[in-house]
């Protein structure tokens, strides 16, 4: 991703490459059952961070929309 993509808001949404149930498969393939819990926790943390980021983006967008509406309203009042 580039700076201009970030500024313009054209960055594509990130996707997790690990589905929620991947922890057991990874632990089995690596022959390390103790990793299952760690991978499961990591996947959960990524999901939570993604949800938080999406919520913050929605709030930011809503705030910008309301600011824009207020600015338009003030502009109309001045006419």
C-alpha atoms as a PDB file:
ATOM      1  CA  UNK A   1       0.000   0.000   0.000  1.00  0.00           C
ATOM      2  CA  UNK A   2       1.209   3.488  -0.772  1.00  0.00           C
ATOM      3  CA  UNK A   3       0.846   6.778   1.088  1.00  0.00           C
ATOM      4  CA  UNK A   4      -1.498   8.106  -1.580  1.00  0.00           C
ATOM      5  CA  UNK A   5      -3.739   5.039  -1.225  1.00  0.00           C
ATOM      6  CA  UNK A   6      -3.956   5.635   2.511  1.00  0.00           C
ATOM      7  CA  UNK A   7      -4.687   9.335   2.087  1.00  0.00           C
ATOM      8  CA  UNK A   8      -7.303   8.703  -0.591  1.00  0.00           C
ATOM      9  CA  UNK A   9      -8.876   5.828   1.300  1.00  0.00           C
ATOM     10  CA  UNK A  10      -8.454   3.401  -1.596  1.00  0.00           C
ATOM     11  CA  UNK A  11      -6.559   0.752   0.361  1.00  0.00           C
ATOM     12  CA  UNK A  12      -8.174  -2.649   0.045  1.00  0.00           C
ATOM     13  CA  UNK A  13      -9.444  -4.285   3.207  1.00  0.00           C
ATOM     14  CA  UNK A  14      -6.961  -6.699   4.743  1.00  0.00           C
ATOM     15  CA  UNK A  15      -7.912 -10.349   4.877  1.00  0.00           C
ATOM     16  CA  UNK A  16      -6.694 -12.970   7.302  1.00  0.00           C
ATOM     17  CA  UNK A  17      -5.053 -15.947   5.659  1.00  0.00           C
ATOM     18  CA  UNK A  18      -5.821 -18.143   8.662  1.00  0.00           C
ATOM     19  CA  UNK A  19      -9.422 -19.218   9.229  1.00  0.00           C
ATOM     20  CA  UNK A  20     -10.646 -19.526  12.808  1.00  0.00           C
ATOM     21  CA  UNK A  21     -10.162 -23.314  12.913  1.00  0.00           C
ATOM     22  CA  UNK A  22      -6.622 -23.274  11.534  1.00  0.00           C
ATOM     23  CA  UNK A  23      -4.990 -23.561  14.951  1.00  0.00           C
ATOM     24  CA  UNK A  24      -5.526 -27.304  15.227  1.00  0.00           C
ATOM     25  CA  UNK A  25      -4.328 -27.983  11.679  1.00  0.00           C
ATOM     26  CA  UNK A  26      -1.178 -25.925  12.208  1.00  0.00           C
ATOM     27  CA  UNK A  27      -0.389 -27.644  15.505  1.00  0.00           C
ATOM     28  CA  UNK A  28      -0.945 -31.061  13.951  1.00  0.00           C
ATOM     29  CA  UNK A  29       1.170 -30.357  10.858  1.00  0.00           C
ATOM     30  CA  UNK A  30       4.021 -28.968  12.938  1.00  0.00           C
ATOM     31  CA  UNK A  31       3.677 -31.828  15.394  1.00  0.00           C
ATOM     32  CA  UNK A  32       3.520 -29.309  18.211  1.00  0.00           C
ATOM     33  CA  UNK A  33       0.150 -29.584  19.991  1.00  0.00           C
ATOM     34  CA  UNK A  34       1.184 -26.871  22.443  1.00  0.00           C
ATOM     35  CA  UNK A  35       0.996 -24.346  19.591  1.00  0.00           C
ATOM     36  CA  UNK A  36      -2.729 -24.846  19.100  1.00  0.00           C
ATOM     37  CA  UNK A  37      -3.726 -22.475  21.896  1.00  0.00           C
ATOM     38  CA  UNK A  38      -1.191 -19.855  20.885  1.00  0.00           C
ATOM     39  CA  UNK A  39      -2.287 -19.843  17.244  1.00  0.00           C
ATOM     40  CA  UNK A  40      -5.943 -19.749  18.277  1.00  0.00           C
ATOM     41  CA  UNK A  41      -5.246 -16.736  20.519  1.00  0.00           C
ATOM     42  CA  UNK A  42      -3.304 -14.976  17.760  1.00  0.00           C
ATOM     43  CA  UNK A  43      -6.124 -15.474  15.263  1.00  0.00           C
ATOM     44  CA  UNK A  44      -8.631 -14.146  17.803  1.00  0.00           C
ATOM     45  CA  UNK A  45      -6.469 -11.072  18.462  1.00  0.00           C
ATOM     46  CA  UNK A  46      -6.233 -10.344  14.752  1.00  0.00           C
ATOM     47  CA  UNK A  47     -10.003 -10.650  14.367  1.00  0.00           C
ATOM     48  CA  UNK A  48     -10.592  -8.314  17.322  1.00  0.00           C
ATOM     49  CA  UNK A  49      -8.106  -5.743  16.002  1.00  0.00           C
ATOM     50  CA  UNK A  50      -9.747  -5.854  12.581  1.00  0.00           C
ATOM     51  CA  UNK A  51     -13.211  -5.321  14.076  1.00  0.00           C
ATOM     52  CA  UNK A  52     -11.921  -2.422  16.174  1.00  0.00           C
ATOM     53  CA  UNK A  53     -10.285  -0.814  13.155  1.00  0.00           C
ATOM     54  CA  UNK A  54     -13.464  -1.153  11.095  1.00  0.00           C
ATOM     55  CA  UNK A  55     -15.524   0.403  13.884  1.00  0.00           C
ATOM     56  CA  UNK A  56     -13.088   3.315  14.196  1.00  0.00           C
ATOM     57  CA  UNK A  57     -13.202   3.865  10.425  1.00  0.00           C
ATOM     58  CA  UNK A  58     -17.017   3.907  10.496  1.00  0.00           C
ATOM     59  CA  UNK A  59     -17.000   6.423  13.351  1.00  0.00           C
ATOM     60  CA  UNK A  60     -14.460   8.590  11.554  1.00  0.00           C
ATOM     61  CA  UNK A  61     -16.531   8.503   8.374  1.00  0.00           C
ATOM     62  CA  UNK A  62     -19.692   9.394  10.295  1.00  0.00           C
ATOM     63  CA  UNK A  63     -17.896  12.281  11.992  1.00  0.00           C
ATOM     64  CA  UNK A  64     -16.595  13.590   8.676  1.00  0.00           C
ATOM     65  CA  UNK A  65     -20.074  13.346   7.162  1.00  0.00           C
ATOM     66  CA  UNK A  66     -21.633  15.291  10.019  1.00  0.00           C
ATOM     67  CA  UNK A  67     -18.891  17.934   9.831  1.00  0.00           C
ATOM     68  CA  UNK A  68     -19.449  18.250   6.111  1.00  0.00           C
ATOM     69  CA  UNK A  69     -23.205  18.589   6.610  1.00  0.00           C
ATOM     70  CA  UNK A  70     -22.664  21.289   9.237  1.00  0.00           C
ATOM     71  CA  UNK A  71     -20.286  23.163   6.936  1.00  0.00           C
ATOM     72  CA  UNK A  72     -22.792  22.970   4.084  1.00  0.00           C
ATOM     73  CA  UNK A  73     -25.530  24.230   6.365  1.00  0.00           C
ATOM     74  CA  UNK A  74     -23.423  27.214   7.442  1.00  0.00           C
ATOM     75  CA  UNK A  75     -22.608  27.942   3.817  1.00  0.00           C
ATOM     76  CA  UNK A  76     -26.315  27.930   2.921  1.00  0.00           C
ATOM     77  CA  UNK A  77     -27.098  30.264   5.830  1.00  0.00           C
ATOM     78  CA  UNK A  78     -24.537  32.779   4.562  1.00  0.00           C
ATOM     79  CA  UNK A  79     -26.186  32.912   1.126  1.00  0.00           C
END
